[in-house]
Amino acid sequence: QVQLVESGGGLVQPGGSLRLSCAASGSIFSVNAMGWYRQAPGKQRELVATFTRSSTTNYGDSVKGRFTISRDNAKNTVYLQMNSLKPEDAAVYLCYIDSILGVYWGQGTQVTVSS
């Protein structure tokens, strides 16, 4: 089993920044990918950013150039630095890990972008 705990969400004004964290614990090995999706009300879950097994990063088109994913392997933690936030970035941000044991999701952290 794998547990994921997200933190760092909140309310920010347009143009502001937030940093999300996702700490993984449990049976973490043979990881294929780890990263972030988001889901806004009435919309499909959308890729935000992810690390692949080969340590390459993938970003959703809507966040390229504004968001940066990083990780601390010693802490089994991934981060999402979000800059130049827009109202359309508001969503529940969900951390996930895809490993040999399966795909696990965190409970999500709410990001609200509003003036």
C-alpha atoms as a PDB file:
ATOM      1  CA  GLN A   1       0.000   0.000   0.000  1.00  0.00           C
ATOM      2  CA  VAL A   2       1.009   3.556  -0.704  1.00  0.00           C
ATOM      3  CA  GLN A   3      -0.232   6.670   1.054  1.00  0.00           C
ATOM      4  CA  LEU A   4      -0.062  10.142  -0.455  1.00  0.00           C
ATOM      5  CA  VAL A   5      -0.589  13.318   1.532  1.00  0.00           C
ATOM      6  CA  GLU A   6      -0.879  16.640  -0.258  1.00  0.00           C
ATOM      7  CA  SER A   7      -0.474  20.062   1.278  1.00  0.00           C
ATOM      8  CA  GLY A   8       0.000  23.666   0.260  1.00  0.00           C
ATOM      9  CA  GLY A   9      -3.294  24.550  -1.345  1.00  0.00           C
ATOM     10  CA  GLY A  10      -5.253  27.658  -0.505  1.00  0.00           C
ATOM     11  CA  LEU A  11      -6.573  30.959  -1.764  1.00  0.00           C
ATOM     12  CA  VAL A  12      -4.353  33.135  -3.939  1.00  0.00           C
ATOM     13  CA  GLN A  13      -4.936  36.201  -6.061  1.00  0.00           C
ATOM     14  CA  PRO A  14      -4.527  36.046  -9.837  1.00  0.00           C
ATOM     15  CA  GLY A  15      -0.871  36.365 -10.700  1.00  0.00           C
ATOM     16  CA  GLY A  16       0.183  34.886  -7.389  1.00  0.00           C
ATOM     17  CA  SER A  17       2.081  31.731  -6.539  1.00  0.00           C
ATOM     18  CA  LEU A  18       1.589  28.592  -4.502  1.00  0.00           C
ATOM     19  CA  ARG A  19       3.734  25.555  -3.810  1.00  0.00           C
ATOM     20  CA  LEU A  20       2.101  22.190  -3.362  1.00  0.00           C
ATOM     21  CA  SER A  21       3.742  19.207  -1.699  1.00  0.00           C
ATOM     22  CA  CYS A  22       2.955  15.518  -1.900  1.00  0.00           C
ATOM     23  CA  ALA A  23       4.594  13.141   0.540  1.00  0.00           C
ATOM     24  CA  ALA A  24       4.485   9.448  -0.270  1.00  0.00           C
ATOM     25  CA  SER A  25       4.841   6.661   2.255  1.00  0.00           C
ATOM     26  CA  GLY A  26       4.439   2.911   2.311  1.00  0.00           C
ATOM     27  CA  SER A  27       5.597   0.433  -0.311  1.00  0.00           C
ATOM     28  CA  ILE A  28       7.257   2.770  -2.759  1.00  0.00           C
ATOM     29  CA  PHE A  29       9.249   0.979  -5.389  1.00  0.00           C
ATOM     30  CA  SER A  30       9.223   0.377  -9.122  1.00  0.00           C
ATOM     31  CA  VAL A  31       7.567   3.730  -9.704  1.00  0.00           C
ATOM     32  CA  ASN A  32       6.523   4.373 -13.289  1.00  0.00           C
ATOM     33  CA  ALA A  33       5.341   7.915 -12.732  1.00  0.00           C
ATOM     34  CA  MET A  34       4.476  10.379  -9.996  1.00  0.00           C
ATOM     35  CA  GLY A  35       2.953  13.775 -10.241  1.00  0.00           C
ATOM     36  CA  TRP A  36      -0.150  15.901 -10.287  1.00  0.00           C
ATOM     37  CA  TYR A  37      -3.533  16.070 -11.903  1.00  0.00           C
ATOM     38  CA  ARG A  38      -6.280  18.543 -11.220  1.00  0.00           C
ATOM     39  CA  GLN A  39     -10.043  18.509 -11.396  1.00  0.00           C
ATOM     40  CA  ALA A  40     -12.343  21.476 -11.480  1.00  0.00           C
ATOM     41  CA  PRO A  41     -16.125  21.211 -10.967  1.00  0.00           C
ATOM     42  CA  GLY A  42     -17.840  19.918 -14.083  1.00  0.00           C
ATOM     43  CA  LYS A  43     -14.556  19.246 -15.872  1.00  0.00           C
ATOM     44  CA  GLN A  44     -12.517  16.157 -16.598  1.00  0.00           C
ATOM     45  CA  ARG A  45      -9.421  15.346 -14.603  1.00  0.00           C
ATOM     46  CA  GLU A  46      -6.509  17.053 -16.308  1.00  0.00           C
ATOM     47  CA  LEU A  47      -2.790  16.323 -16.311  1.00  0.00           C
ATOM     48  CA  VAL A  48      -0.789  19.072 -14.639  1.00  0.00           C
ATOM     49  CA  ALA A  49       2.743  17.730 -14.326  1.00  0.00           C
ATOM     50  CA  THR A  50       4.448  14.419 -13.828  1.00  0.00           C
ATOM     51  CA  PHE A  51       7.785  12.673 -13.540  1.00  0.00           C
ATOM     52  CA  THR A  52       8.212   9.512 -15.566  1.00  0.00           C
ATOM     53  CA  ARG A  53      10.357   6.498 -14.727  1.00  0.00           C
ATOM     54  CA  SER A  54      13.179   7.962 -16.800  1.00  0.00           C
ATOM     55  CA  SER A  55      12.972  11.177 -14.745  1.00  0.00           C
ATOM     56  CA  THR A  56      11.639  13.204 -17.626  1.00  0.00           C
ATOM     57  CA  THR A  57       8.887  15.676 -16.898  1.00  0.00           C
ATOM     58  CA  ASN A  58       5.614  16.176 -18.700  1.00  0.00           C
ATOM     59  CA  TYR A  59       3.365  19.187 -18.351  1.00  0.00           C
ATOM     60  CA  GLY A  60      -0.158  19.932 -19.397  1.00  0.00           C
ATOM     61  CA  ASP A  61      -0.313  22.502 -22.162  1.00  0.00           C
ATOM     62  CA  SER A  62      -2.221  24.974 -20.019  1.00  0.00           C
ATOM     63  CA  VAL A  63       0.500  25.150 -17.350  1.00  0.00           C
ATOM     64  CA  LYS A  64       3.692  25.010 -19.402  1.00  0.00           C
ATOM     65  CA  GLY A  65       6.018  27.849 -18.537  1.00  0.00           C
ATOM     66  CA  ARG A  66       4.165  28.657 -15.323  1.00  0.00           C
ATOM     67  CA  PHE A  67       4.310  25.480 -13.229  1.00  0.00           C
ATOM     68  CA  THR A  68       7.367  23.469 -12.251  1.00  0.00           C
ATOM     69  CA  ILE A  69       7.441  19.985 -10.796  1.00  0.00           C
ATOM     70  CA  SER A  70      10.358  18.911  -8.628  1.00  0.00           C
ATOM     71  CA  ARG A  71      11.101  16.172  -6.144  1.00  0.00           C
ATOM     72  CA  ASP A  72      13.145  15.181  -3.155  1.00  0.00           C
ATOM     73  CA  ASN A  73      13.833  11.460  -3.470  1.00  0.00           C
ATOM     74  CA  ALA A  74      15.190  11.240   0.074  1.00  0.00           C
ATOM     75  CA  LYS A  75      11.838  12.456   1.380  1.00  0.00           C
ATOM     76  CA  ASN A  76       9.691  10.656  -1.228  1.00  0.00           C
ATOM     77  CA  THR A  77       8.103  14.002  -1.901  1.00  0.00           C
ATOM     78  CA  VAL A  78       7.159  15.805  -5.077  1.00  0.00           C
ATOM     79  CA  TYR A  79       6.462  19.499  -5.286  1.00  0.00           C
ATOM     80  CA  LEU A  80       4.517  21.665  -7.668  1.00  0.00           C
ATOM     81  CA  GLN A  81       5.558  25.294  -7.878  1.00  0.00           C
ATOM     82  CA  MET A  82       2.733  27.259  -9.435  1.00  0.00           C
ATOM     83  CA  ASN A  83       3.421  30.788 -10.641  1.00  0.00           C
ATOM     84  CA  SER A  84       1.333  33.346 -12.504  1.00  0.00           C
ATOM     85  CA  LEU A  85      -1.830  31.662 -11.338  1.00  0.00           C
ATOM     86  CA  LYS A  86      -5.024  32.304 -13.253  1.00  0.00           C
ATOM     87  CA  PRO A  87      -8.645  31.882 -12.194  1.00  0.00           C
ATOM     88  CA  GLU A  88      -8.865  28.906 -14.544  1.00  0.00           C
ATOM     89  CA  ASP A  89      -6.182  27.145 -12.498  1.00  0.00           C
ATOM     90  CA  ALA A  90      -8.632  26.802  -9.621  1.00  0.00           C
ATOM     91  CA  ALA A  91      -9.272  23.137  -8.939  1.00  0.00           C
ATOM     92  CA  VAL A  92      -8.622  20.285  -6.581  1.00  0.00           C
ATOM     93  CA  TYR A  93      -5.041  19.216  -7.185  1.00  0.00           C
ATOM     94  CA  LEU A  94      -4.480  15.507  -6.824  1.00  0.00           C
ATOM     95  CA  CYS A  95      -1.161  13.795  -6.351  1.00  0.00           C
ATOM     96  CA  TYR A  96      -0.751  10.323  -7.809  1.00  0.00           C
ATOM     97  CA  ILE A  97       1.824   7.564  -8.038  1.00  0.00           C
ATOM     98  CA  ASP A  98       1.881   4.816 -10.622  1.00  0.00           C
ATOM     99  CA  SER A  99       3.911   1.870  -9.392  1.00  0.00           C
ATOM    100  CA  ILE A 100       4.155  -1.856  -9.787  1.00  0.00           C
ATOM    101  CA  LEU A 101       1.544  -2.129  -7.007  1.00  0.00           C
ATOM    102  CA  GLY A 102      -0.944  -0.001  -8.904  1.00  0.00           C
ATOM    103  CA  VAL A 103      -2.063   3.606  -9.151  1.00  0.00           C
ATOM    104  CA  TYR A 104      -2.657   5.508  -5.937  1.00  0.00           C
ATOM    105  CA  TRP A 105      -4.198   8.935  -5.422  1.00  0.00           C
ATOM    106  CA  GLY A 106      -4.082  11.431  -2.640  1.00  0.00           C
ATOM    107  CA  GLN A 107      -7.206  13.085  -1.309  1.00  0.00           C
ATOM    108  CA  GLY A 108      -6.385  16.343  -3.032  1.00  0.00           C
ATOM    109  CA  THR A 109      -5.763  19.907  -2.022  1.00  0.00           C
ATOM    110  CA  GLN A 110      -7.966  22.806  -3.073  1.00  0.00           C
ATOM    111  CA  VAL A 111      -6.485  25.708  -4.985  1.00  0.00           C
ATOM    112  CA  THR A 112      -8.654  28.785  -5.342  1.00  0.00           C
ATOM    113  CA  VAL A 113      -7.577  31.717  -7.515  1.00  0.00           C
ATOM    114  CA  SER A 114      -9.657  34.786  -6.933  1.00  0.00           C
ATOM    115  CA  SER A 115      -9.322  38.463  -6.195  1.00  0.00           C
END
